[in-house]
Full PDB file with SEQRES, HELIX, SHEET, SSBOND, CRYST1, ORIGX, SCALE, CONECT and MASTER records, all heavy atoms in Angstrom:
SEQRES   1 A   35  GLU MET LEU GLU ASP GLU MET LEU PRO GLU LEU LYS GLU          
SEQRES   2 A   35  GLU VAL VAL GLU VAL GLU LYS THR PHE PRO GLU VAL ILE          
SEQRES   3 A   35  GLU PRO ILE ASP ILE VAL ASP SER ALA                          
HELIX    1 AA1 MET A    2  THR A   21  1                                  20    
CRYST1    1.000    1.000    1.000  90.00  90.00  90.00 P 1           1          
ORIGX1      1.000000  0.000000  0.000000        0.00000                         
ORIGX2      0.000000  1.000000  0.000000        0.00000                         
ORIGX3      0.000000  0.000000  1.000000        0.00000                         
SCALE1      1.000000  0.000000  0.000000        0.00000                         
SCALE2      0.000000  1.000000  0.000000        0.00000                         
SCALE3      0.000000  0.000000  1.000000        0.00000                         
ATOM      1  N   GLU A   1       0.830  -1.167   0.008  1.00  0.00           N  
ATOM      2  CA  GLU A   1       0.048  -0.043   0.011  1.00  0.00           C  
ATOM      3  C   GLU A   1       0.870   1.260   0.020  1.00  0.00           C  
ATOM      4  O   GLU A   1       0.600   2.167  -0.586  1.00  0.00           O  
ATOM      5  CB  GLU A   1      -0.928  -0.038   1.156  1.00  0.00           C  
ATOM      6  CG  GLU A   1      -2.032  -1.080   1.165  1.00  0.00           C  
ATOM      7  CD  GLU A   1      -2.782  -1.198   2.457  1.00  0.00           C  
ATOM      8  OE1 GLU A   1      -2.466  -0.393   3.391  1.00  0.00           O  
ATOM      9  OE2 GLU A   1      -3.750  -1.982   2.476  1.00  0.00           O  
ATOM     10  N   MET A   2       1.972   1.224   0.736  1.00  0.00           N  
ATOM     11  CA  MET A   2       2.934   2.357   0.743  1.00  0.00           C  
ATOM     12  C   MET A   2       3.581   2.623  -0.553  1.00  0.00           C  
ATOM     13  O   MET A   2       3.639   3.753  -0.998  1.00  0.00           O  
ATOM     14  CB  MET A   2       3.939   2.159   1.782  1.00  0.00           C  
ATOM     15  CG  MET A   2       3.442   2.251   3.268  1.00  0.00           C  
ATOM     16  SD  MET A   2       4.817   1.849   4.468  1.00  0.00           S  
ATOM     17  CE  MET A   2       5.866   3.182   4.133  1.00  0.00           C  
ATOM     18  N   LEU A   3       3.895   1.516  -1.242  1.00  0.00           N  
ATOM     19  CA  LEU A   3       4.483   1.666  -2.577  1.00  0.00           C  
ATOM     20  C   LEU A   3       3.512   2.278  -3.555  1.00  0.00           C  
ATOM     21  O   LEU A   3       3.780   3.163  -4.354  1.00  0.00           O  
ATOM     22  CB  LEU A   3       4.843   0.272  -3.109  1.00  0.00           C  
ATOM     23  CG  LEU A   3       5.433   0.194  -4.522  1.00  0.00           C  
ATOM     24  CD1 LEU A   3       6.714   1.000  -4.607  1.00  0.00           C  
ATOM     25  CD2 LEU A   3       5.727  -1.229  -4.967  1.00  0.00           C  
ATOM     26  N   GLU A   4       2.249   1.798  -3.445  1.00  0.00           N  
ATOM     27  CA  GLU A   4       1.146   2.429  -4.311  1.00  0.00           C  
ATOM     28  C   GLU A   4       0.948   3.852  -4.079  1.00  0.00           C  
ATOM     29  O   GLU A   4       0.883   4.669  -4.915  1.00  0.00           O  
ATOM     30  CB  GLU A   4      -0.121   1.595  -4.088  1.00  0.00           C  
ATOM     31  CG  GLU A   4       0.028   0.147  -4.708  1.00  0.00           C  
ATOM     32  CD  GLU A   4      -1.223  -0.706  -4.268  1.00  0.00           C  
ATOM     33  OE1 GLU A   4      -2.136  -0.082  -3.636  1.00  0.00           O  
ATOM     34  OE2 GLU A   4      -1.212  -1.834  -4.554  1.00  0.00           O  
ATOM     35  N   ASP A   5       0.919   4.177  -2.757  1.00  0.00           N  
ATOM     36  CA  ASP A   5       0.668   5.575  -2.434  1.00  0.00           C  
ATOM     37  C   ASP A   5       1.854   6.507  -2.832  1.00  0.00           C  
ATOM     38  O   ASP A   5       1.769   7.677  -3.150  1.00  0.00           O  
ATOM     39  CB  ASP A   5       0.533   5.784  -0.857  1.00  0.00           C  
ATOM     40  CG  ASP A   5      -0.828   5.064  -0.341  1.00  0.00           C  
ATOM     41  OD1 ASP A   5      -1.633   4.873  -1.319  1.00  0.00           O  
ATOM     42  OD2 ASP A   5      -0.822   4.718   0.799  1.00  0.00           O  
ATOM     43  N   GLU A   6       3.114   5.923  -2.782  1.00  0.00           N  
ATOM     44  CA  GLU A   6       4.273   6.700  -3.131  1.00  0.00           C  
ATOM     45  C   GLU A   6       4.414   6.860  -4.602  1.00  0.00           C  
ATOM     46  O   GLU A   6       4.776   7.958  -5.190  1.00  0.00           O  
ATOM     47  CB  GLU A   6       5.568   6.007  -2.627  1.00  0.00           C  
ATOM     48  CG  GLU A   6       5.599   6.046  -1.052  1.00  0.00           C  
ATOM     49  CD  GLU A   6       6.874   5.190  -0.584  1.00  0.00           C  
ATOM     50  OE1 GLU A   6       7.587   4.686  -1.433  1.00  0.00           O  
ATOM     51  OE2 GLU A   6       7.075   5.242   0.634  1.00  0.00           O  
ATOM     52  N   MET A   7       4.041   5.817  -5.451  1.00  0.00           N  
ATOM     53  CA  MET A   7       4.198   5.856  -6.848  1.00  0.00           C  
ATOM     54  C   MET A   7       3.174   6.662  -7.624  1.00  0.00           C  
ATOM     55  O   MET A   7       3.440   7.322  -8.582  1.00  0.00           O  
ATOM     56  CB  MET A   7       4.271   4.453  -7.437  1.00  0.00           C  
ATOM     57  CG  MET A   7       5.419   3.629  -6.820  1.00  0.00           C  
ATOM     58  SD  MET A   7       7.080   4.398  -7.181  1.00  0.00           S  
ATOM     59  CE  MET A   7       7.129   4.404  -8.913  1.00  0.00           C  
ATOM     60  N   LEU A   8       1.931   6.670  -7.165  1.00  0.00           N  
ATOM     61  CA  LEU A   8       0.867   7.239  -7.866  1.00  0.00           C  
ATOM     62  C   LEU A   8       1.033   8.757  -7.932  1.00  0.00           C  
ATOM     63  O   LEU A   8       0.879   9.375  -8.976  1.00  0.00           O  
ATOM     64  CB  LEU A   8      -0.510   6.927  -7.161  1.00  0.00           C  
ATOM     65  CG  LEU A   8      -1.053   5.502  -7.428  1.00  0.00           C  
ATOM     66  CD1 LEU A   8      -2.371   5.351  -6.709  1.00  0.00           C  
ATOM     67  CD2 LEU A   8      -1.251   5.310  -8.896  1.00  0.00           C  
ATOM     68  N   PRO A   9       1.409   9.469  -6.880  1.00  0.00           N  
ATOM     69  CA  PRO A   9       1.698  10.909  -6.966  1.00  0.00           C  
ATOM     70  C   PRO A   9       2.780  11.214  -8.013  1.00  0.00           C  
ATOM     71  O   PRO A   9       2.711  12.188  -8.756  1.00  0.00           O  
ATOM     72  CB  PRO A   9       2.164  11.354  -5.543  1.00  0.00           C  
ATOM     73  CG  PRO A   9       1.497  10.390  -4.649  1.00  0.00           C  
ATOM     74  CD  PRO A   9       1.608   9.059  -5.432  1.00  0.00           C  
ATOM     75  N   GLU A  10       3.827  10.371  -8.020  1.00  0.00           N  
ATOM     76  CA  GLU A  10       4.899  10.638  -9.096  1.00  0.00           C  
ATOM     77  C   GLU A  10       4.371  10.501 -10.433  1.00  0.00           C  
ATOM     78  O   GLU A  10       4.714  11.219 -11.369  1.00  0.00           O  
ATOM     79  CB  GLU A  10       6.022   9.497  -8.835  1.00  0.00           C  
ATOM     80  CG  GLU A  10       6.827   9.830  -7.542  1.00  0.00           C  
ATOM     81  CD  GLU A  10       7.917   8.744  -7.364  1.00  0.00           C  
ATOM     82  OE1 GLU A  10       8.242   8.073  -8.348  1.00  0.00           O  
ATOM     83  OE2 GLU A  10       8.461   8.665  -6.265  1.00  0.00           O  
ATOM     84  N   LEU A  11       3.489   9.391 -10.697  1.00  0.00           N  
ATOM     85  CA  LEU A  11       2.929   9.276 -12.021  1.00  0.00           C  
ATOM     86  C   LEU A  11       2.002  10.477 -12.444  1.00  0.00           C  
ATOM     87  O   LEU A  11       2.130  10.948 -13.557  1.00  0.00           O  
ATOM     88  CB  LEU A  11       2.103   7.994 -12.047  1.00  0.00           C  
ATOM     89  CG  LEU A  11       2.981   6.661 -12.054  1.00  0.00           C  
ATOM     90  CD1 LEU A  11       2.044   5.500 -11.922  1.00  0.00           C  
ATOM     91  CD2 LEU A  11       3.775   6.608 -13.313  1.00  0.00           C  
ATOM     92  N   LYS A  12       1.340  10.974 -11.456  1.00  0.00           N  
ATOM     93  CA  LYS A  12       0.475  12.117 -11.709  1.00  0.00           C  
ATOM     94  C   LYS A  12       1.304  13.350 -12.123  1.00  0.00           C  
ATOM     95  O   LYS A  12       0.946  14.114 -12.950  1.00  0.00           O  
ATOM     96  CB  LYS A  12      -0.455  12.459 -10.438  1.00  0.00           C  
ATOM     97  CG  LYS A  12      -1.496  11.380 -10.201  1.00  0.00           C  
ATOM     98  CD  LYS A  12      -2.262  11.721  -8.980  1.00  0.00           C  
ATOM     99  CE  LYS A  12      -3.360  10.669  -8.725  1.00  0.00           C  
ATOM    100  NZ  LYS A  12      -4.059  10.923  -7.480  1.00  0.00           N  
ATOM    101  N   GLU A  13       2.416  13.475 -11.426  1.00  0.00           N  
ATOM    102  CA  GLU A  13       3.308  14.664 -11.745  1.00  0.00           C  
ATOM    103  C   GLU A  13       3.905  14.574 -13.141  1.00  0.00           C  
ATOM    104  O   GLU A  13       3.923  15.476 -13.885  1.00  0.00           O  
ATOM    105  CB  GLU A  13       4.490  14.685 -10.689  1.00  0.00           C  
ATOM    106  CG  GLU A  13       4.078  15.168  -9.329  1.00  0.00           C  
ATOM    107  CD  GLU A  13       5.118  15.135  -8.347  1.00  0.00           C  
ATOM    108  OE1 GLU A  13       6.299  14.848  -8.725  1.00  0.00           O  
ATOM    109  OE2 GLU A  13       4.880  15.394  -7.170  1.00  0.00           O  
ATOM    110  N   GLU A  14       4.207  13.240 -13.514  1.00  0.00           N  
ATOM    111  CA  GLU A  14       4.787  13.074 -14.833  1.00  0.00           C  
ATOM    112  C   GLU A  14       3.729  13.306 -15.891  1.00  0.00           C  
ATOM    113  O   GLU A  14       4.111  13.876 -16.936  1.00  0.00           O  
ATOM    114  CB  GLU A  14       5.169  11.571 -15.000  1.00  0.00           C  
ATOM    115  CG  GLU A  14       6.513  11.260 -14.154  1.00  0.00           C  
ATOM    116  CD  GLU A  14       6.910   9.872 -14.399  1.00  0.00           C  
ATOM    117  OE1 GLU A  14       6.266   9.134 -15.239  1.00  0.00           O  
ATOM    118  OE2 GLU A  14       7.841   9.397 -13.744  1.00  0.00           O  
ATOM    119  N   VAL A  15       2.525  13.026 -15.573  1.00  0.00           N  
ATOM    120  CA  VAL A  15       1.401  13.328 -16.532  1.00  0.00           C  
ATOM    121  C   VAL A  15       1.249  14.853 -16.658  1.00  0.00           C  
ATOM    122  O   VAL A  15       1.128  15.273 -17.887  1.00  0.00           O  
ATOM    123  CB  VAL A  15       0.100  12.679 -16.063  1.00  0.00           C  
ATOM    124  CG1 VAL A  15      -1.083  13.185 -16.872  1.00  0.00           C  
ATOM    125  CG2 VAL A  15       0.176  11.149 -16.115  1.00  0.00           C  
ATOM    126  N   VAL A  16       1.397  15.561 -15.611  1.00  0.00           N  
ATOM    127  CA  VAL A  16       1.188  16.981 -15.728  1.00  0.00           C  
ATOM    128  C   VAL A  16       2.365  17.638 -16.590  1.00  0.00           C  
ATOM    129  O   VAL A  16       2.127  18.437 -17.432  1.00  0.00           O  
ATOM    130  CB  VAL A  16       1.262  17.661 -14.270  1.00  0.00           C  
ATOM    131  CG1 VAL A  16       1.374  19.156 -14.459  1.00  0.00           C  
ATOM    132  CG2 VAL A  16       0.003  17.269 -13.503  1.00  0.00           C  
ATOM    133  N   GLU A  17       3.569  17.084 -16.363  1.00  0.00           N  
ATOM    134  CA  GLU A  17       4.684  17.604 -17.185  1.00  0.00           C  
ATOM    135  C   GLU A  17       4.548  17.251 -18.688  1.00  0.00           C  
ATOM    136  O   GLU A  17       4.818  18.164 -19.509  1.00  0.00           O  
ATOM    137  CB  GLU A  17       6.024  16.869 -16.662  1.00  0.00           C  
ATOM    138  CG  GLU A  17       6.444  17.323 -15.250  1.00  0.00           C  
ATOM    139  CD  GLU A  17       6.693  18.904 -15.253  1.00  0.00           C  
ATOM    140  OE1 GLU A  17       7.225  19.379 -16.262  1.00  0.00           O  
ATOM    141  OE2 GLU A  17       6.432  19.553 -14.173  1.00  0.00           O  
ATOM    142  N   VAL A  18       3.927  16.062 -18.990  1.00  0.00           N  
ATOM    143  CA  VAL A  18       3.792  15.737 -20.402  1.00  0.00           C  
ATOM    144  C   VAL A  18       2.744  16.651 -20.963  1.00  0.00           C  
ATOM    145  O   VAL A  18       2.846  17.147 -22.130  1.00  0.00           O  
ATOM    146  CB  VAL A  18       3.358  14.272 -20.500  1.00  0.00           C  
ATOM    147  CG1 VAL A  18       2.982  13.978 -21.925  1.00  0.00           C  
ATOM    148  CG2 VAL A  18       4.418  13.322 -19.948  1.00  0.00           C  
ATOM    149  N   GLU A  19       1.673  17.028 -20.295  1.00  0.00           N  
ATOM    150  CA  GLU A  19       0.584  17.775 -20.774  1.00  0.00           C  
ATOM    151  C   GLU A  19       1.053  19.256 -21.004  1.00  0.00           C  
ATOM    152  O   GLU A  19       0.725  19.859 -21.896  1.00  0.00           O  
ATOM    153  CB  GLU A  19      -0.562  17.815 -19.795  1.00  0.00           C  
ATOM    154  CG  GLU A  19      -1.274  16.411 -19.659  1.00  0.00           C  
ATOM    155  CD  GLU A  19      -2.438  16.535 -18.664  1.00  0.00           C  
ATOM    156  OE1 GLU A  19      -2.477  17.419 -17.762  1.00  0.00           O  
ATOM    157  OE2 GLU A  19      -3.334  15.732 -18.735  1.00  0.00           O  
ATOM    158  N   LYS A  20       2.029  19.683 -20.163  1.00  0.00           N  
ATOM    159  CA  LYS A  20       2.520  21.027 -20.300  1.00  0.00           C  
ATOM    160  C   LYS A  20       3.383  21.020 -21.531  1.00  0.00           C  
ATOM    161  O   LYS A  20       3.446  22.037 -22.291  1.00  0.00           O  
ATOM    162  CB  LYS A  20       3.409  21.385 -19.073  1.00  0.00           C  
ATOM    163  CG  LYS A  20       2.576  21.693 -17.839  1.00  0.00           C  
ATOM    164  CD  LYS A  20       3.461  22.105 -16.741  1.00  0.00           C  
ATOM    165  CE  LYS A  20       2.638  22.386 -15.440  1.00  0.00           C  
ATOM    166  NZ  LYS A  20       3.523  22.685 -14.322  1.00  0.00           N  
ATOM    167  N   THR A  21       4.076  19.935 -21.807  1.00  0.00           N  
ATOM    168  CA  THR A  21       5.041  19.932 -22.915  1.00  0.00           C  
ATOM    169  C   THR A  21       4.334  19.810 -24.302  1.00  0.00           C  
ATOM    170  O   THR A  21       4.706  20.521 -25.243  1.00  0.00           O  
ATOM    171  CB  THR A  21       6.041  18.780 -22.861  1.00  0.00           C  
ATOM    172  OG1 THR A  21       6.719  18.843 -21.566  1.00  0.00           O  
ATOM    173  CG2 THR A  21       7.072  18.778 -23.885  1.00  0.00           C  
ATOM    174  N   PHE A  22       3.332  18.968 -24.265  1.00  0.00           N  
ATOM    175  CA  PHE A  22       2.437  18.755 -25.569  1.00  0.00           C  
ATOM    176  C   PHE A  22       1.054  18.877 -25.242  1.00  0.00           C  
ATOM    177  O   PHE A  22       0.207  17.943 -25.232  1.00  0.00           O  
ATOM    178  CB  PHE A  22       2.723  17.266 -26.012  1.00  0.00           C  
ATOM    179  CG  PHE A  22       4.201  17.001 -26.247  1.00  0.00           C  
ATOM    180  CD1 PHE A  22       4.905  16.176 -25.381  1.00  0.00           C  
ATOM    181  CD2 PHE A  22       4.861  17.525 -27.332  1.00  0.00           C  
ATOM    182  CE1 PHE A  22       6.213  15.923 -25.522  1.00  0.00           C  
ATOM    183  CE2 PHE A  22       6.265  17.249 -27.532  1.00  0.00           C  
ATOM    184  CZ  PHE A  22       6.915  16.512 -26.591  1.00  0.00           C  
ATOM    185  N   PRO A  23       0.479  20.120 -25.052  1.00  0.00           N  
ATOM    186  CA  PRO A  23      -0.834  20.358 -24.656  1.00  0.00           C  
ATOM    187  C   PRO A  23      -1.837  19.999 -25.716  1.00  0.00           C  
ATOM    188  O   PRO A  23      -2.930  19.677 -25.420  1.00  0.00           O  
ATOM    189  CB  PRO A  23      -0.931  21.875 -24.224  1.00  0.00           C  
ATOM    190  CG  PRO A  23       0.199  22.441 -25.052  1.00  0.00           C  
ATOM    191  CD  PRO A  23       1.369  21.284 -25.088  1.00  0.00           C  
ATOM    192  N   GLU A  24      -1.432  20.064 -26.969  1.00  0.00           N  
ATOM    193  CA  GLU A  24      -2.323  19.745 -28.057  1.00  0.00           C  
ATOM    194  C   GLU A  24      -2.374  18.339 -28.457  1.00  0.00           C  
ATOM    195  O   GLU A  24      -3.210  17.914 -29.245  1.00  0.00           O  
ATOM    196  CB  GLU A  24      -2.010  20.694 -29.296  1.00  0.00           C  
ATOM    197  CG  GLU A  24      -2.148  22.094 -29.037  1.00  0.00           C  
ATOM    198  CD  GLU A  24      -1.741  22.947 -30.237  1.00  0.00           C  
ATOM    199  OE1 GLU A  24      -1.328  22.382 -31.225  1.00  0.00           O  
ATOM    200  OE2 GLU A  24      -1.942  24.234 -30.172  1.00  0.00           O  
ATOM    201  N   VAL A  25      -1.392  17.558 -28.030  1.00  0.00           N  
ATOM    202  CA  VAL A  25      -1.152  16.243 -28.418  1.00  0.00           C  
ATOM    203  C   VAL A  25      -1.658  15.235 -27.452  1.00  0.00           C  
ATOM    204  O   VAL A  25      -2.325  14.219 -27.752  1.00  0.00           O  
ATOM    205  CB  VAL A  25       0.306  15.929 -28.809  1.00  0.00           C  
ATOM    206  CG1 VAL A  25       0.480  14.432 -29.281  1.00  0.00           C  
ATOM    207  CG2 VAL A  25       0.737  16.915 -29.996  1.00  0.00           C  
ATOM    208  N   ILE A  26      -1.421  15.448 -26.148  1.00  0.00           N  
ATOM    209  CA  ILE A  26      -1.747  14.546 -25.135  1.00  0.00           C  
ATOM    210  C   ILE A  26      -3.145  14.677 -24.658  1.00  0.00           C  
ATOM    211  O   ILE A  26      -3.484  15.761 -24.239  1.00  0.00           O  
ATOM    212  CB  ILE A  26      -0.783  14.618 -23.931  1.00  0.00           C  
ATOM    213  CG1 ILE A  26       0.702  14.731 -24.393  1.00  0.00           C  
ATOM    214  CG2 ILE A  26      -1.023  13.621 -22.916  1.00  0.00           C  
ATOM    215  CD1 ILE A  26       0.977  13.320 -25.101  1.00  0.00           C  
ATOM    216  N   GLU A  27      -3.933  13.670 -24.685  1.00  0.00           N  
ATOM    217  CA  GLU A  27      -5.264  13.654 -24.172  1.00  0.00           C  
ATOM    218  C   GLU A  27      -5.227  13.381 -22.668  1.00  0.00           C  
ATOM    219  O   GLU A  27      -4.193  12.879 -22.145  1.00  0.00           O  
ATOM    220  CB  GLU A  27      -6.120  12.596 -24.893  1.00  0.00           C  
ATOM    221  CG  GLU A  27      -6.342  12.901 -26.394  1.00  0.00           C  
ATOM    222  CD  GLU A  27      -7.228  11.841 -27.056  1.00  0.00           C  
ATOM    223  OE1 GLU A  27      -7.587  10.881 -26.436  1.00  0.00           O  
ATOM    224  OE2 GLU A  27      -7.464  12.058 -28.292  1.00  0.00           O  
ATOM    225  N   PRO A  28      -6.306  13.634 -22.004  1.00  0.00           N  
ATOM    226  CA  PRO A  28      -6.426  13.412 -20.487  1.00  0.00           C  
ATOM    227  C   PRO A  28      -5.935  11.978 -20.125  1.00  0.00           C  
ATOM    228  O   PRO A  28      -6.385  11.004 -20.900  1.00  0.00           O  
ATOM    229  CB  PRO A  28      -7.891  13.648 -20.040  1.00  0.00           C  
ATOM    230  CG  PRO A  28      -8.371  14.589 -21.169  1.00  0.00           C  
ATOM    231  CD  PRO A  28      -7.588  14.242 -22.423  1.00  0.00           C  
ATOM    232  N   ILE A  29      -5.215  11.776 -19.118  1.00  0.00           N  
ATOM    233  CA  ILE A  29      -4.778  10.513 -18.674  1.00  0.00           C  
ATOM    234  C   ILE A  29      -5.800   9.919 -17.546  1.00  0.00           C  
ATOM    235  O   ILE A  29      -6.150  10.594 -16.703  1.00  0.00           O  
ATOM    236  CB  ILE A  29      -3.391  10.649 -17.970  1.00  0.00           C  
ATOM    237  CG1 ILE A  29      -2.377  10.917 -19.119  1.00  0.00           C  
ATOM    238  CG2 ILE A  29      -2.960   9.359 -17.283  1.00  0.00           C  
ATOM    239  CD1 ILE A  29      -0.958  11.122 -18.646  1.00  0.00           C  
ATOM    240  N   ASP A  30      -6.127   8.662 -17.830  1.00  0.00           N  
ATOM    241  CA  ASP A  30      -7.017   7.985 -16.856  1.00  0.00           C  
ATOM    242  C   ASP A  30      -6.129   7.140 -15.925  1.00  0.00           C  
ATOM    243  O   ASP A  30      -5.650   6.046 -16.232  1.00  0.00           O  
ATOM    244  CB  ASP A  30      -7.967   7.171 -17.669  1.00  0.00           C  
ATOM    245  CG  ASP A  30      -8.919   6.426 -16.700  1.00  0.00           C  
ATOM    246  OD1 ASP A  30      -9.087   6.776 -15.489  1.00  0.00           O  
ATOM    247  OD2 ASP A  30      -9.545   5.441 -17.102  1.00  0.00           O  
ATOM    248  N   ILE A  31      -5.964   7.599 -14.604  1.00  0.00           N  
ATOM    249  CA  ILE A  31      -5.219   6.800 -13.743  1.00  0.00           C  
ATOM    250  C   ILE A  31      -6.231   5.822 -13.044  1.00  0.00           C  
ATOM    251  O   ILE A  31      -7.021   6.246 -12.190  1.00  0.00           O  
ATOM    252  CB  ILE A  31      -4.611   7.684 -12.667  1.00  0.00           C  
ATOM    253  CG1 ILE A  31      -3.613   8.714 -13.321  1.00  0.00           C  
ATOM    254  CG2 ILE A  31      -3.888   6.895 -11.571  1.00  0.00           C  
ATOM    255  CD1 ILE A  31      -2.943   9.593 -12.405  1.00  0.00           C  
ATOM    256  N   VAL A  32      -6.039   4.545 -13.304  1.00  0.00           N  
ATOM    257  CA  VAL A  32      -6.907   3.557 -12.683  1.00  0.00           C  
ATOM    258  C   VAL A  32      -6.230   2.921 -11.484  1.00  0.00           C  
ATOM    259  O   VAL A  32      -5.214   2.209 -11.508  1.00  0.00           O  
ATOM    260  CB  VAL A  32      -7.090   2.398 -13.776  1.00  0.00           C  
ATOM    261  CG1 VAL A  32      -8.101   1.374 -13.187  1.00  0.00           C  
ATOM    262  CG2 VAL A  32      -7.613   3.056 -15.080  1.00  0.00           C  
ATOM    263  N   ASP A  33      -6.843   3.163 -10.374  1.00  0.00           N  
ATOM    264  CA  ASP A  33      -6.276   2.764  -9.042  1.00  0.00           C  
ATOM    265  C   ASP A  33      -6.243   1.242  -8.952  1.00  0.00           C  
ATOM    266  O   ASP A  33      -5.233   0.651  -8.402  1.00  0.00           O  
ATOM    267  CB  ASP A  33      -7.094   3.336  -7.842  1.00  0.00           C  
ATOM    268  CG  ASP A  33      -6.815   4.753  -7.705  1.00  0.00           C  
ATOM    269  OD1 ASP A  33      -5.779   5.314  -8.274  1.00  0.00           O  
ATOM    270  OD2 ASP A  33      -7.633   5.496  -7.159  1.00  0.00           O  
ATOM    271  N   SER A  34      -7.275   0.533  -9.351  1.00  0.00           N  
ATOM    272  CA  SER A  34      -7.443  -0.938  -9.228  1.00  0.00           C  
ATOM    273  C   SER A  34      -6.314  -1.570  -9.986  1.00  0.00           C  
ATOM    274  O   SER A  34      -5.794  -2.553  -9.560  1.00  0.00           O  
ATOM    275  CB  SER A  34      -8.704  -1.377  -9.633  1.00  0.00           C  
ATOM    276  OG  SER A  34      -8.954  -1.097 -10.934  1.00  0.00           O  
ATOM    277  N   ALA A  35      -5.973  -1.134 -11.141  1.00  0.00           N  
ATOM    278  CA  ALA A  35      -4.887  -1.674 -12.012  1.00  0.00           C  
ATOM    279  C   ALA A  35      -3.533  -1.155 -11.766  1.00  0.00           C  
ATOM    280  O   ALA A  35      -2.556  -1.652 -12.106  1.00  0.00           O  
ATOM    281  CB  ALA A  35      -5.335  -1.572 -13.414  1.00  0.00           C  
TER     282      ALA A  35                                                      
MASTER        0    0    0    1    0    0    0    6  281    1    0    3          
END                                                                             
């Protein structure tokens, strides 16, 4: 559970950086907790 809690925020930050870099190309990211 700690690993999941630690990794998910990092992934969300990466998604934000990608959206800033390519705002017209990258569509919204669906973060699925269960998977």
